[in-house]
Amino acid sequence: MIPRFAIVVALLLGACSAAAPTPPEDPGIAVCRAEARSSPELRQVGRETLIGNSTNALRIDAMRAEVEGRALSDCLRRRGLVRGGGVEPVRRPNMF
């Protein structure tokens, strides 16, 4: 009797820890996300990478996030999926 009880408890605990499924992404947003990831500006940022330089890597990561976000926002506005305007995202202060 105890092994069955242990199995039931293990199954219930496993079911509780499962993450909720994420809703599927809107096709228009997926197209804009793909366009942003393949934008020429993002490729230009990638060309500035200096392998092995951690300071440069932090700067490039920040630039990549900014450029990709801007390209995504521009595409969404062009397609009419989001309205223009809003507040500019807060930027972390840099030492360089």
C-alpha atoms as a PDB file:
ATOM      1  CA  MET A   1       0.000   0.000   0.000  1.00  0.00           C
ATOM      2  CA  ILE A   2       2.819   2.409   0.795  1.00  0.00           C
ATOM      3  CA  PRO A   3       4.470   2.165  -2.666  1.00  0.00           C
ATOM      4  CA  ARG A   4       1.201   3.168  -4.376  1.00  0.00           C
ATOM      5  CA  PHE A   5       0.808   6.103  -2.038  1.00  0.00           C
ATOM      6  CA  ALA A   6       4.387   7.208  -2.748  1.00  0.00           C
ATOM      7  CA  ILE A   7       3.784   6.976  -6.495  1.00  0.00           C
ATOM      8  CA  VAL A   8       0.589   9.029  -6.248  1.00  0.00           C
ATOM      9  CA  VAL A   9       2.316  11.686  -4.152  1.00  0.00           C
ATOM     10  CA  ALA A  10       5.253  11.821  -6.577  1.00  0.00           C
ATOM     11  CA  LEU A  11       2.898  12.226  -9.544  1.00  0.00           C
ATOM     12  CA  LEU A  12       0.952  14.996  -7.817  1.00  0.00           C
ATOM     13  CA  LEU A  13       4.124  16.864  -6.904  1.00  0.00           C
ATOM     14  CA  GLY A  14       5.403  16.504 -10.448  1.00  0.00           C
ATOM     15  CA  ALA A  15       2.154  17.879 -11.845  1.00  0.00           C
ATOM     16  CA  CYS A  16       2.308  20.897  -9.550  1.00  0.00           C
ATOM     17  CA  SER A  17       5.814  21.828 -10.610  1.00  0.00           C
ATOM     18  CA  ALA A  18       5.083  21.815 -14.347  1.00  0.00           C
ATOM     19  CA  ALA A  19       5.206  25.277 -15.926  1.00  0.00           C
ATOM     20  CA  ALA A  20       2.072  26.656 -17.517  1.00  0.00           C
ATOM     21  CA  PRO A  21       2.102  26.483 -21.318  1.00  0.00           C
ATOM     22  CA  THR A  22       2.844  29.759 -23.048  1.00  0.00           C
ATOM     23  CA  PRO A  23       0.294  31.039 -25.539  1.00  0.00           C
ATOM     24  CA  PRO A  24       1.359  30.939 -29.192  1.00  0.00           C
ATOM     25  CA  GLU A  25       2.877  34.134 -30.558  1.00  0.00           C
ATOM     26  CA  ASP A  26       0.852  36.227 -32.982  1.00  0.00           C
ATOM     27  CA  PRO A  27       2.053  35.541 -36.572  1.00  0.00           C
ATOM     28  CA  GLY A  28       2.538  39.253 -37.280  1.00  0.00           C
ATOM     29  CA  ILE A  29       4.742  39.661 -34.228  1.00  0.00           C
ATOM     30  CA  ALA A  30       6.728  36.541 -35.172  1.00  0.00           C
ATOM     31  CA  VAL A  31       7.377  37.983 -38.649  1.00  0.00           C
ATOM     32  CA  CYS A  32       8.523  41.296 -37.156  1.00  0.00           C
ATOM     33  CA  ARG A  33      10.752  39.510 -34.629  1.00  0.00           C
ATOM     34  CA  ALA A  34      12.411  37.547 -37.458  1.00  0.00           C
ATOM     35  CA  GLU A  35      12.841  40.736 -39.485  1.00  0.00           C
ATOM     36  CA  ALA A  36      14.411  42.507 -36.493  1.00  0.00           C
ATOM     37  CA  ARG A  37      16.850  39.637 -35.903  1.00  0.00           C
ATOM     38  CA  SER A  38      18.013  39.775 -39.516  1.00  0.00           C
ATOM     39  CA  SER A  39      18.236  43.554 -39.815  1.00  0.00           C
ATOM     40  CA  PRO A  40      21.364  45.108 -41.352  1.00  0.00           C
ATOM     41  CA  GLU A  41      21.854  47.311 -38.274  1.00  0.00           C
ATOM     42  CA  LEU A  42      22.057  44.215 -36.077  1.00  0.00           C
ATOM     43  CA  ARG A  43      24.608  42.652 -38.413  1.00  0.00           C
ATOM     44  CA  GLN A  44      26.675  45.849 -38.209  1.00  0.00           C
ATOM     45  CA  VAL A  45      26.679  45.629 -34.405  1.00  0.00           C
ATOM     46  CA  GLY A  46      27.840  42.018 -34.681  1.00  0.00           C
ATOM     47  CA  ARG A  47      30.793  43.115 -36.795  1.00  0.00           C
ATOM     48  CA  GLU A  48      32.039  45.288 -33.932  1.00  0.00           C
ATOM     49  CA  THR A  49      32.540  42.295 -31.621  1.00  0.00           C
ATOM     50  CA  LEU A  50      36.031  41.810 -30.216  1.00  0.00           C
ATOM     51  CA  ILE A  51      36.373  38.203 -29.092  1.00  0.00           C
ATOM     52  CA  GLY A  52      37.918  37.864 -25.649  1.00  0.00           C
ATOM     53  CA  ASN A  53      37.235  41.461 -24.576  1.00  0.00           C
ATOM     54  CA  SER A  54      34.637  41.352 -21.770  1.00  0.00           C
ATOM     55  CA  THR A  55      34.076  45.127 -21.735  1.00  0.00           C
ATOM     56  CA  ASN A  56      33.367  45.084 -25.444  1.00  0.00           C
ATOM     57  CA  ALA A  57      31.053  42.090 -25.002  1.00  0.00           C
ATOM     58  CA  LEU A  58      28.936  43.975 -22.448  1.00  0.00           C
ATOM     59  CA  ARG A  59      28.741  47.025 -24.715  1.00  0.00           C
ATOM     60  CA  ILE A  60      27.849  44.921 -27.760  1.00  0.00           C
ATOM     61  CA  ASP A  61      25.157  43.025 -25.847  1.00  0.00           C
ATOM     62  CA  ALA A  62      23.560  46.317 -24.799  1.00  0.00           C
ATOM     63  CA  MET A  63      23.797  47.707 -28.332  1.00  0.00           C
ATOM     64  CA  ARG A  64      22.367  44.490 -29.796  1.00  0.00           C
ATOM     65  CA  ALA A  65      19.366  44.601 -27.437  1.00  0.00           C
ATOM     66  CA  GLU A  66      18.744  48.258 -28.240  1.00  0.00           C
ATOM     67  CA  VAL A  67      19.022  47.834 -32.021  1.00  0.00           C
ATOM     68  CA  GLU A  68      16.882  44.685 -32.084  1.00  0.00           C
ATOM     69  CA  GLY A  69      14.224  46.326 -29.899  1.00  0.00           C
ATOM     70  CA  ARG A  70      14.150  49.420 -32.093  1.00  0.00           C
ATOM     71  CA  ALA A  71      13.864  47.313 -35.262  1.00  0.00           C
ATOM     72  CA  LEU A  72      11.041  45.263 -33.724  1.00  0.00           C
ATOM     73  CA  SER A  73       9.158  48.393 -32.659  1.00  0.00           C
ATOM     74  CA  ASP A  74       9.591  49.975 -36.089  1.00  0.00           C
ATOM     75  CA  CYS A  75       8.274  46.857 -37.836  1.00  0.00           C
ATOM     76  CA  LEU A  76       5.285  46.578 -35.499  1.00  0.00           C
ATOM     77  CA  ARG A  77       4.421  50.236 -36.120  1.00  0.00           C
ATOM     78  CA  ARG A  78       4.778  49.812 -39.908  1.00  0.00           C
ATOM     79  CA  ARG A  79       2.392  46.852 -39.883  1.00  0.00           C
ATOM     80  CA  GLY A  80      -0.087  48.633 -37.609  1.00  0.00           C
ATOM     81  CA  LEU A  81       0.222  46.052 -34.829  1.00  0.00           C
ATOM     82  CA  VAL A  82       1.177  48.611 -32.204  1.00  0.00           C
ATOM     83  CA  ARG A  83       0.615  52.315 -31.945  1.00  0.00           C
ATOM     84  CA  GLY A  84       3.490  54.748 -31.945  1.00  0.00           C
ATOM     85  CA  GLY A  85       4.577  56.839 -29.026  1.00  0.00           C
ATOM     86  CA  GLY A  86       5.279  55.748 -25.504  1.00  0.00           C
ATOM     87  CA  VAL A  87       8.255  56.119 -23.238  1.00  0.00           C
ATOM     88  CA  GLU A  88      11.847  55.410 -24.186  1.00  0.00           C
ATOM     89  CA  PRO A  89      13.284  52.467 -22.239  1.00  0.00           C
ATOM     90  CA  VAL A  90      15.647  53.247 -19.394  1.00  0.00           C
ATOM     91  CA  ARG A  91      19.288  52.793 -20.358  1.00  0.00           C
ATOM     92  CA  ARG A  92      21.922  51.629 -17.919  1.00  0.00           C
ATOM     93  CA  PRO A  93      24.718  54.136 -17.391  1.00  0.00           C
ATOM     94  CA  ASN A  94      27.987  53.074 -18.974  1.00  0.00           C
ATOM     95  CA  MET A  95      31.563  53.858 -18.175  1.00  0.00           C
ATOM     96  CA  PHE A  96      32.562  53.909 -21.840  1.00  0.00           C
END
